[in-house]
């Protein structure tokens, strides 16, 4: 059975962007440090193609709230390609 996969783009105080992807039921993958919104959207499109090929279409998470306070750190630098996974 295909899992549901959602993504969320968050902007950081330093002007960079992060992509947070949730694979149900319990996997969260975070790619940090995109320099522009266009860069993160390109990455999401590649992920969308990959997930569709695996039978798990990617959808944007519906959220009215911003990132959790635990997700925002003022000491971040815009370093390209940071990837973290949490289960």
PDB file of N, CA and C in Angstrom:
ATOM      1  N   UNK A   1       0.839  -1.176   0.000  1.00  0.00           N
ATOM      2  CA  UNK A   1       0.000   0.000   0.000  1.00  0.00           C
ATOM      3  C   UNK A   1       0.889   1.245   0.000  1.00  0.00           C
ATOM      4  N   UNK A   2       0.556   2.190  -0.859  1.00  0.00           N
ATOM      5  CA  UNK A   2       1.340   3.421  -0.952  1.00  0.00           C
ATOM      6  C   UNK A   2       1.113   4.295   0.281  1.00  0.00           C
ATOM      7  N   UNK A   3       2.174   4.907   0.724  1.00  0.00           N
ATOM      8  CA  UNK A   3       2.084   5.821   1.862  1.00  0.00           C
ATOM      9  C   UNK A   3       1.768   7.223   1.374  1.00  0.00           C
ATOM     10  N   UNK A   4       1.146   7.988   2.235  1.00  0.00           N
ATOM     11  CA  UNK A   4       0.895   9.384   1.901  1.00  0.00           C
ATOM     12  C   UNK A   4       2.135  10.201   2.231  1.00  0.00           C
ATOM     13  N   UNK A   5       2.461  11.111   1.332  1.00  0.00           N
ATOM     14  CA  UNK A   5       3.663  11.926   1.475  1.00  0.00           C
ATOM     15  C   UNK A   5       3.267  13.390   1.308  1.00  0.00           C
ATOM     16  N   UNK A   6       3.653  14.199   2.291  1.00  0.00           N
ATOM     17  CA  UNK A   6       3.332  15.621   2.281  1.00  0.00           C
ATOM     18  C   UNK A   6       4.614  16.436   2.415  1.00  0.00           C
ATOM     19  N   UNK A   7       4.606  17.637   1.848  1.00  0.00           N
ATOM     20  CA  UNK A   7       5.751  18.526   2.028  1.00  0.00           C
ATOM     21  C   UNK A   7       5.281  19.894   2.496  1.00  0.00           C
ATOM     22  N   UNK A   8       6.208  20.585   3.099  1.00  0.00           N
ATOM     23  CA  UNK A   8       5.969  21.945   3.567  1.00  0.00           C
ATOM     24  C   UNK A   8       7.251  22.724   3.359  1.00  0.00           C
ATOM     25  N   UNK A   9       7.149  23.942   2.876  1.00  0.00           N
ATOM     26  CA  UNK A   9       8.307  24.812   2.709  1.00  0.00           C
ATOM     27  C   UNK A   9       8.250  25.856   3.813  1.00  0.00           C
ATOM     28  N   UNK A  10       9.345  25.998   4.526  1.00  0.00           N
ATOM     29  CA  UNK A  10       9.386  27.017   5.574  1.00  0.00           C
ATOM     30  C   UNK A  10      10.517  27.995   5.284  1.00  0.00           C
ATOM     31  N   UNK A  11      10.237  29.260   5.560  1.00  0.00           N
ATOM     32  CA  UNK A  11      11.292  30.249   5.391  1.00  0.00           C
ATOM     33  C   UNK A  11      11.896  30.551   6.757  1.00  0.00           C
ATOM     34  N   UNK A  12      13.181  30.824   6.742  1.00  0.00           N
ATOM     35  CA  UNK A  12      13.922  31.032   7.970  1.00  0.00           C
ATOM     36  C   UNK A  12      14.234  32.508   8.144  1.00  0.00           C
ATOM     37  N   UNK A  13      14.553  32.909   9.349  1.00  0.00           N
ATOM     38  CA  UNK A  13      14.874  34.316   9.607  1.00  0.00           C
ATOM     39  C   UNK A  13      16.082  34.819   8.812  1.00  0.00           C
ATOM     40  N   UNK A  14      16.967  33.913   8.402  1.00  0.00           N
ATOM     41  CA  UNK A  14      18.158  34.340   7.661  1.00  0.00           C
ATOM     42  C   UNK A  14      17.913  34.455   6.164  1.00  0.00           C
ATOM     43  N   UNK A  15      16.664  34.239   5.714  1.00  0.00           N
ATOM     44  CA  UNK A  15      16.327  34.382   4.304  1.00  0.00           C
ATOM     45  C   UNK A  15      16.410  33.105   3.495  1.00  0.00           C
ATOM     46  N   UNK A  16      16.862  32.029   4.095  1.00  0.00           N
ATOM     47  CA  UNK A  16      16.928  30.734   3.410  1.00  0.00           C
ATOM     48  C   UNK A  16      15.594  30.001   3.566  1.00  0.00           C
ATOM     49  N   UNK A  17      15.482  28.854   2.904  1.00  0.00           N
ATOM     50  CA  UNK A  17      14.266  28.048   2.942  1.00  0.00           C
ATOM     51  C   UNK A  17      14.620  26.608   3.281  1.00  0.00           C
ATOM     52  N   UNK A  18      13.691  25.932   3.938  1.00  0.00           N
ATOM     53  CA  UNK A  18      13.823  24.513   4.249  1.00  0.00           C
ATOM     54  C   UNK A  18      12.613  23.783   3.674  1.00  0.00           C
ATOM     55  N   UNK A  19      12.807  22.540   3.280  1.00  0.00           N
ATOM     56  CA  UNK A  19      11.713  21.670   2.852  1.00  0.00           C
ATOM     57  C   UNK A  19      11.565  20.572   3.898  1.00  0.00           C
ATOM     58  N   UNK A  20      10.352  20.401   4.395  1.00  0.00           N
ATOM     59  CA  UNK A  20      10.066  19.364   5.382  1.00  0.00           C
ATOM     60  C   UNK A  20       9.084  18.396   4.736  1.00  0.00           C
ATOM     61  N   UNK A  21       9.487  17.126   4.631  1.00  0.00           N
ATOM     62  CA  UNK A  21       8.671  16.105   3.975  1.00  0.00           C
ATOM     63  C   UNK A  21       8.271  15.074   5.026  1.00  0.00           C
ATOM     64  N   UNK A  22       6.976  14.775   5.077  1.00  0.00           N
ATOM     65  CA  UNK A  22       6.455  13.775   6.008  1.00  0.00           C
ATOM     66  C   UNK A  22       5.949  12.587   5.208  1.00  0.00           C
ATOM     67  N   UNK A  23       6.485  11.418   5.529  1.00  0.00           N
ATOM     68  CA  UNK A  23       6.037  10.166   4.933  1.00  0.00           C
ATOM     69  C   UNK A  23       5.279   9.431   6.026  1.00  0.00           C
ATOM     70  N   UNK A  24       3.976   9.295   5.827  1.00  0.00           N
ATOM     71  CA  UNK A  24       3.180   8.659   6.873  1.00  0.00           C
ATOM     72  C   UNK A  24       3.560   7.208   7.031  1.00  0.00           C
ATOM     73  N   UNK A  25       3.587   6.657   8.212  1.00  0.00           N
ATOM     74  CA  UNK A  25       3.031   7.238   9.414  1.00  0.00           C
ATOM     75  C   UNK A  25       4.017   8.041  10.257  1.00  0.00           C
ATOM     76  N   UNK A  26       5.328   7.821  10.125  1.00  0.00           N
ATOM     77  CA  UNK A  26       6.195   8.384  11.161  1.00  0.00           C
ATOM     78  C   UNK A  26       7.587   8.834  10.703  1.00  0.00           C
ATOM     79  N   UNK A  27       7.763   9.165   9.444  1.00  0.00           N
ATOM     80  CA  UNK A  27       9.084   9.570   8.973  1.00  0.00           C
ATOM     81  C   UNK A  27       9.046  11.026   8.528  1.00  0.00           C
ATOM     82  N   UNK A  28      10.002  11.806   9.022  1.00  0.00           N
ATOM     83  CA  UNK A  28      10.120  13.203   8.622  1.00  0.00           C
ATOM     84  C   UNK A  28      11.517  13.404   8.062  1.00  0.00           C
ATOM     85  N   UNK A  29      11.584  13.965   6.852  1.00  0.00           N
ATOM     86  CA  UNK A  29      12.851  14.274   6.203  1.00  0.00           C
ATOM     87  C   UNK A  29      12.891  15.773   6.004  1.00  0.00           C
ATOM     88  N   UNK A  30      14.018  16.379   6.349  1.00  0.00           N
ATOM     89  CA  UNK A  30      14.149  17.825   6.254  1.00  0.00           C
ATOM     90  C   UNK A  30      15.384  18.150   5.433  1.00  0.00           C
ATOM     91  N   UNK A  31      15.211  18.930   4.375  1.00  0.00           N
ATOM     92  CA  UNK A  31      16.332  19.421   3.571  1.00  0.00           C
ATOM     93  C   UNK A  31      16.469  20.902   3.877  1.00  0.00           C
ATOM     94  N   UNK A  32      17.624  21.299   4.343  1.00  0.00           N
ATOM     95  CA  UNK A  32      17.833  22.656   4.842  1.00  0.00           C
ATOM     96  C   UNK A  32      18.728  23.481   3.940  1.00  0.00           C
ATOM     97  N   UNK A  33      18.535  24.791   3.999  1.00  0.00           N
ATOM     98  CA  UNK A  33      19.486  25.725   3.430  1.00  0.00           C
ATOM     99  C   UNK A  33      19.336  26.047   1.961  1.00  0.00           C
ATOM    100  N   UNK A  34      18.123  25.982   1.421  1.00  0.00           N
ATOM    101  CA  UNK A  34      17.931  26.437   0.045  1.00  0.00           C
ATOM    102  C   UNK A  34      18.073  27.956   0.032  1.00  0.00           C
ATOM    103  N   UNK A  35      18.812  28.461  -0.926  1.00  0.00           N
ATOM    104  CA  UNK A  35      19.085  29.896  -0.974  1.00  0.00           C
ATOM    105  C   UNK A  35      17.900  30.676  -1.539  1.00  0.00           C
ATOM    106  N   UNK A  36      17.102  30.050  -2.413  1.00  0.00           N
ATOM    107  CA  UNK A  36      15.972  30.757  -3.005  1.00  0.00           C
ATOM    108  C   UNK A  36      14.738  29.855  -3.013  1.00  0.00           C
ATOM    109  N   UNK A  37      13.585  30.488  -3.131  1.00  0.00           N
ATOM    110  CA  UNK A  37      12.343  29.741  -3.214  1.00  0.00           C
ATOM    111  C   UNK A  37      12.306  28.913  -4.495  1.00  0.00           C
ATOM    112  N   UNK A  38      12.853  29.448  -5.585  1.00  0.00           N
ATOM    113  CA  UNK A  38      12.906  28.701  -6.850  1.00  0.00           C
ATOM    114  C   UNK A  38      13.718  27.419  -6.694  1.00  0.00           C
ATOM    115  N   UNK A  39      14.802  27.484  -5.934  1.00  0.00           N
ATOM    116  CA  UNK A  39      15.639  26.300  -5.722  1.00  0.00           C
ATOM    117  C   UNK A  39      14.880  25.218  -4.955  1.00  0.00           C
ATOM    118  N   UNK A  40      14.168  25.588  -3.909  1.00  0.00           N
ATOM    119  CA  UNK A  40      13.415  24.594  -3.139  1.00  0.00           C
ATOM    120  C   UNK A  40      12.255  24.048  -3.968  1.00  0.00           C
ATOM    121  N   UNK A  41      11.618  24.886  -4.780  1.00  0.00           N
ATOM    122  CA  UNK A  41      10.527  24.400  -5.624  1.00  0.00           C
ATOM    123  C   UNK A  41      11.031  23.425  -6.688  1.00  0.00           C
ATOM    124  N   UNK A  42      12.217  23.660  -7.238  1.00  0.00           N
ATOM    125  CA  UNK A  42      12.817  22.703  -8.179  1.00  0.00           C
ATOM    126  C   UNK A  42      13.077  21.365  -7.496  1.00  0.00           C
ATOM    127  N   UNK A  43      13.586  21.407  -6.270  1.00  0.00           N
ATOM    128  CA  UNK A  43      13.856  20.187  -5.517  1.00  0.00           C
ATOM    129  C   UNK A  43      12.554  19.430  -5.255  1.00  0.00           C
ATOM    130  N   UNK A  44      11.496  20.160  -4.907  1.00  0.00           N
ATOM    131  CA  UNK A  44      10.187  19.544  -4.659  1.00  0.00           C
ATOM    132  C   UNK A  44       9.664  18.876  -5.933  1.00  0.00           C
ATOM    133  N   UNK A  45       9.847  19.515  -7.082  1.00  0.00           N
ATOM    134  CA  UNK A  45       9.392  18.913  -8.345  1.00  0.00           C
ATOM    135  C   UNK A  45      10.116  17.598  -8.632  1.00  0.00           C
ATOM    136  N   UNK A  46      11.417  17.547  -8.366  1.00  0.00           N
ATOM    137  CA  UNK A  46      12.167  16.304  -8.519  1.00  0.00           C
ATOM    138  C   UNK A  46      11.671  15.225  -7.569  1.00  0.00           C
ATOM    139  N   UNK A  47      11.396  15.628  -6.334  1.00  0.00           N
ATOM    140  CA  UNK A  47      10.850  14.694  -5.350  1.00  0.00           C
ATOM    141  C   UNK A  47       9.466  14.224  -5.772  1.00  0.00           C
ATOM    142  N   UNK A  48       8.663  15.130  -6.317  1.00  0.00           N
ATOM    143  CA  UNK A  48       7.318  14.775  -6.790  1.00  0.00           C
ATOM    144  C   UNK A  48       7.406  13.694  -7.875  1.00  0.00           C
ATOM    145  N   UNK A  49       8.346  13.850  -8.828  1.00  0.00           N
ATOM    146  CA  UNK A  49       8.533  12.854  -9.887  1.00  0.00           C
ATOM    147  C   UNK A  49       8.947  11.500  -9.314  1.00  0.00           C
ATOM    148  N   UNK A  50       9.886  11.533  -8.378  1.00  0.00           N
ATOM    149  CA  UNK A  50      10.365  10.300  -7.753  1.00  0.00           C
ATOM    150  C   UNK A  50       9.247   9.587  -6.998  1.00  0.00           C
ATOM    151  N   UNK A  51       8.512  10.321  -6.200  1.00  0.00           N
ATOM    152  CA  UNK A  51       7.457   9.704  -5.404  1.00  0.00           C
ATOM    153  C   UNK A  51       6.324   9.177  -6.292  1.00  0.00           C
ATOM    154  N   UNK A  52       6.020   9.878  -7.387  1.00  0.00           N
ATOM    155  CA  UNK A  52       4.987   9.396  -8.311  1.00  0.00           C
ATOM    156  C   UNK A  52       5.420   8.079  -8.951  1.00  0.00           C
ATOM    157  N   UNK A  53       6.710   7.964  -9.280  1.00  0.00           N
ATOM    158  CA  UNK A  53       7.224   6.723  -9.859  1.00  0.00           C
ATOM    159  C   UNK A  53       7.122   5.563  -8.866  1.00  0.00           C
ATOM    160  N   UNK A  54       7.177   5.880  -7.577  1.00  0.00           N
ATOM    161  CA  UNK A  54       7.064   4.861  -6.529  1.00  0.00           C
ATOM    162  C   UNK A  54       5.621   4.613  -6.109  1.00  0.00           C
ATOM    163  N   UNK A  55       4.681   5.340  -6.722  1.00  0.00           N
ATOM    164  CA  UNK A  55       3.273   5.156  -6.393  1.00  0.00           C
ATOM    165  C   UNK A  55       2.828   5.876  -5.147  1.00  0.00           C
ATOM    166  N   UNK A  56       3.574   6.883  -4.728  1.00  0.00           N
ATOM    167  CA  UNK A  56       3.225   7.658  -3.536  1.00  0.00           C
ATOM    168  C   UNK A  56       3.251   9.142  -3.897  1.00  0.00           C
ATOM    169  N   UNK A  57       2.180   9.638  -4.482  1.00  0.00           N
ATOM    170  CA  UNK A  57       2.178  11.027  -4.924  1.00  0.00           C
ATOM    171  C   UNK A  57       2.427  12.003  -3.773  1.00  0.00           C
ATOM    172  N   UNK A  58       3.119  13.065  -4.100  1.00  0.00           N
ATOM    173  CA  UNK A  58       3.495  14.096  -3.126  1.00  0.00           C
ATOM    174  C   UNK A  58       2.442  15.188  -3.133  1.00  0.00           C
ATOM    175  N   UNK A  59       2.018  15.613  -1.954  1.00  0.00           N
ATOM    176  CA  UNK A  59       1.031  16.683  -1.830  1.00  0.00           C
ATOM    177  C   UNK A  59       1.548  17.734  -0.853  1.00  0.00           C
ATOM    178  N   UNK A  60       1.128  18.969  -1.073  1.00  0.00           N
ATOM    179  CA  UNK A  60       1.521  20.031  -0.144  1.00  0.00           C
ATOM    180  C   UNK A  60       0.690  19.909   1.122  1.00  0.00           C
ATOM    181  N   UNK A  61       1.359  19.992   2.262  1.00  0.00           N
ATOM    182  CA  UNK A  61       0.669  19.909   3.543  1.00  0.00           C
ATOM    183  C   UNK A  61      -0.162  21.168   3.736  1.00  0.00           C
ATOM    184  N   UNK A  62      -1.343  20.990   4.252  1.00  0.00           N
ATOM    185  CA  UNK A  62      -2.192  22.131   4.550  1.00  0.00           C
ATOM    186  C   UNK A  62      -1.955  22.519   5.992  1.00  0.00           C
ATOM    187  N   UNK A  63      -1.383  23.710   6.167  1.00  0.00           N
ATOM    188  CA  UNK A  63      -1.060  24.167   7.511  1.00  0.00           C
ATOM    189  C   UNK A  63      -1.239  25.673   7.578  1.00  0.00           C
ATOM    190  N   UNK A  64      -1.975  26.107   8.572  1.00  0.00           N
ATOM    191  CA  UNK A  64      -2.177  27.543   8.768  1.00  0.00           C
ATOM    192  C   UNK A  64      -1.133  28.135   9.689  1.00  0.00           C
ATOM    193  N   UNK A  65      -0.333  27.284  10.290  1.00  0.00           N
ATOM    194  CA  UNK A  65       0.655  27.792  11.227  1.00  0.00           C
ATOM    195  C   UNK A  65       2.040  27.760  10.607  1.00  0.00           C
ATOM    196  N   UNK A  66       2.920  28.551  11.143  1.00  0.00           N
ATOM    197  CA  UNK A  66       4.294  28.581  10.685  1.00  0.00           C
ATOM    198  C   UNK A  66       5.072  27.427  11.276  1.00  0.00           C
ATOM    199  N   UNK A  67       6.390  27.418  11.066  1.00  0.00           N
ATOM    200  CA  UNK A  67       7.201  26.339  11.623  1.00  0.00           C
ATOM    201  C   UNK A  67       7.199  26.371  13.138  1.00  0.00           C
ATOM    202  N   UNK A  68       7.360  25.192  13.723  1.00  0.00           N
ATOM    203  CA  UNK A  68       7.450  25.115  15.177  1.00  0.00           C
ATOM    204  C   UNK A  68       8.665  25.877  15.659  1.00  0.00           C
ATOM    205  N   UNK A  69       8.574  26.412  16.845  1.00  0.00           N
ATOM    206  CA  UNK A  69       9.694  27.151  17.419  1.00  0.00           C
ATOM    207  C   UNK A  69      10.937  26.269  17.513  1.00  0.00           C
ATOM    208  N   UNK A  70      10.742  24.972  17.701  1.00  0.00           N
ATOM    209  CA  UNK A  70      11.884  24.054  17.780  1.00  0.00           C
ATOM    210  C   UNK A  70      12.587  23.937  16.435  1.00  0.00           C
ATOM    211  N   UNK A  71      11.884  24.277  15.342  1.00  0.00           N
ATOM    212  CA  UNK A  71      12.476  24.173  14.016  1.00  0.00           C
ATOM    213  C   UNK A  71      13.259  25.419  13.630  1.00  0.00           C
ATOM    214  N   UNK A  72      13.112  26.510  14.361  1.00  0.00           N
ATOM    215  CA  UNK A  72      13.775  27.765  14.013  1.00  0.00           C
ATOM    216  C   UNK A  72      14.971  27.974  14.933  1.00  0.00           C
ATOM    217  N   UNK A  73      16.119  28.135  14.327  1.00  0.00           N
ATOM    218  CA  UNK A  73      17.334  28.422  15.092  1.00  0.00           C
ATOM    219  C   UNK A  73      17.994  29.633  14.459  1.00  0.00           C
ATOM    220  N   UNK A  74      18.382  30.570  15.272  1.00  0.00           N
ATOM    221  CA  UNK A  74      18.960  31.800  14.742  1.00  0.00           C
ATOM    222  C   UNK A  74      20.403  31.614  14.295  1.00  0.00           C
ATOM    223  N   UNK A  75      21.041  30.501  14.643  1.00  0.00           N
ATOM    224  CA  UNK A  75      22.448  30.316  14.286  1.00  0.00           C
ATOM    225  C   UNK A  75      22.630  29.543  12.976  1.00  0.00           C
ATOM    226  N   UNK A  76      21.539  29.319  12.215  1.00  0.00           N
ATOM    227  CA  UNK A  76      21.657  28.659  10.920  1.00  0.00           C
ATOM    228  C   UNK A  76      22.418  29.531   9.935  1.00  0.00           C
ATOM    229  N   UNK A  77      23.192  28.910   9.087  1.00  0.00           N
ATOM    230  CA  UNK A  77      23.789  29.561   7.938  1.00  0.00           C
ATOM    231  C   UNK A  77      23.200  28.908   6.706  1.00  0.00           C
ATOM    232  N   UNK A  78      23.142  29.610   5.605  1.00  0.00           N
ATOM    233  CA  UNK A  78      22.609  29.043   4.358  1.00  0.00           C
ATOM    234  C   UNK A  78      23.654  28.131   3.737  1.00  0.00           C
ATOM    235  N   UNK A  79      23.781  26.953   4.251  1.00  0.00           N
ATOM    236  CA  UNK A  79      24.700  25.973   3.691  1.00  0.00           C
ATOM    237  C   UNK A  79      23.884  25.052   2.794  1.00  0.00           C
ATOM    238  N   UNK A  80      24.293  24.863   1.557  1.00  0.00           N
ATOM    239  CA  UNK A  80      23.489  24.079   0.632  1.00  0.00           C
ATOM    240  C   UNK A  80      23.466  22.598   0.977  1.00  0.00           C
ATOM    241  N   UNK A  81      22.297  22.007   0.763  1.00  0.00           N
ATOM    242  CA  UNK A  81      22.182  20.556   0.791  1.00  0.00           C
ATOM    243  C   UNK A  81      22.122  19.866   2.126  1.00  0.00           C
ATOM    244  N   UNK A  82      21.840  20.568   3.199  1.00  0.00           N
ATOM    245  CA  UNK A  82      21.724  19.890   4.484  1.00  0.00           C
ATOM    246  C   UNK A  82      20.509  18.990   4.483  1.00  0.00           C
ATOM    247  N   UNK A  83      20.654  17.757   4.915  1.00  0.00           N
ATOM    248  CA  UNK A  83      19.548  16.805   4.907  1.00  0.00           C
ATOM    249  C   UNK A  83      19.519  16.109   6.263  1.00  0.00           C
ATOM    250  N   UNK A  84      18.337  16.120   6.907  1.00  0.00           N
ATOM    251  CA  UNK A  84      18.175  15.438   8.175  1.00  0.00           C
ATOM    252  C   UNK A  84      16.934  14.559   8.107  1.00  0.00           C
ATOM    253  N   UNK A  85      17.002  13.426   8.776  1.00  0.00           N
ATOM    254  CA  UNK A  85      15.858  12.512   8.799  1.00  0.00           C
ATOM    255  C   UNK A  85      15.554  12.158  10.233  1.00  0.00           C
ATOM    256  N   UNK A  86      14.277  12.119  10.571  1.00  0.00           N
ATOM    257  CA  UNK A  86      13.858  11.794  11.936  1.00  0.00           C
ATOM    258  C   UNK A  86      12.745  10.782  11.861  1.00  0.00           C
ATOM    259  N   UNK A  87      12.777   9.823  12.740  1.00  0.00           N
ATOM    260  CA  UNK A  87      11.719   8.827  12.842  1.00  0.00           C
ATOM    261  C   UNK A  87      11.131   8.829  14.196  1.00  0.00           C
TER     262      UNK A  87
END
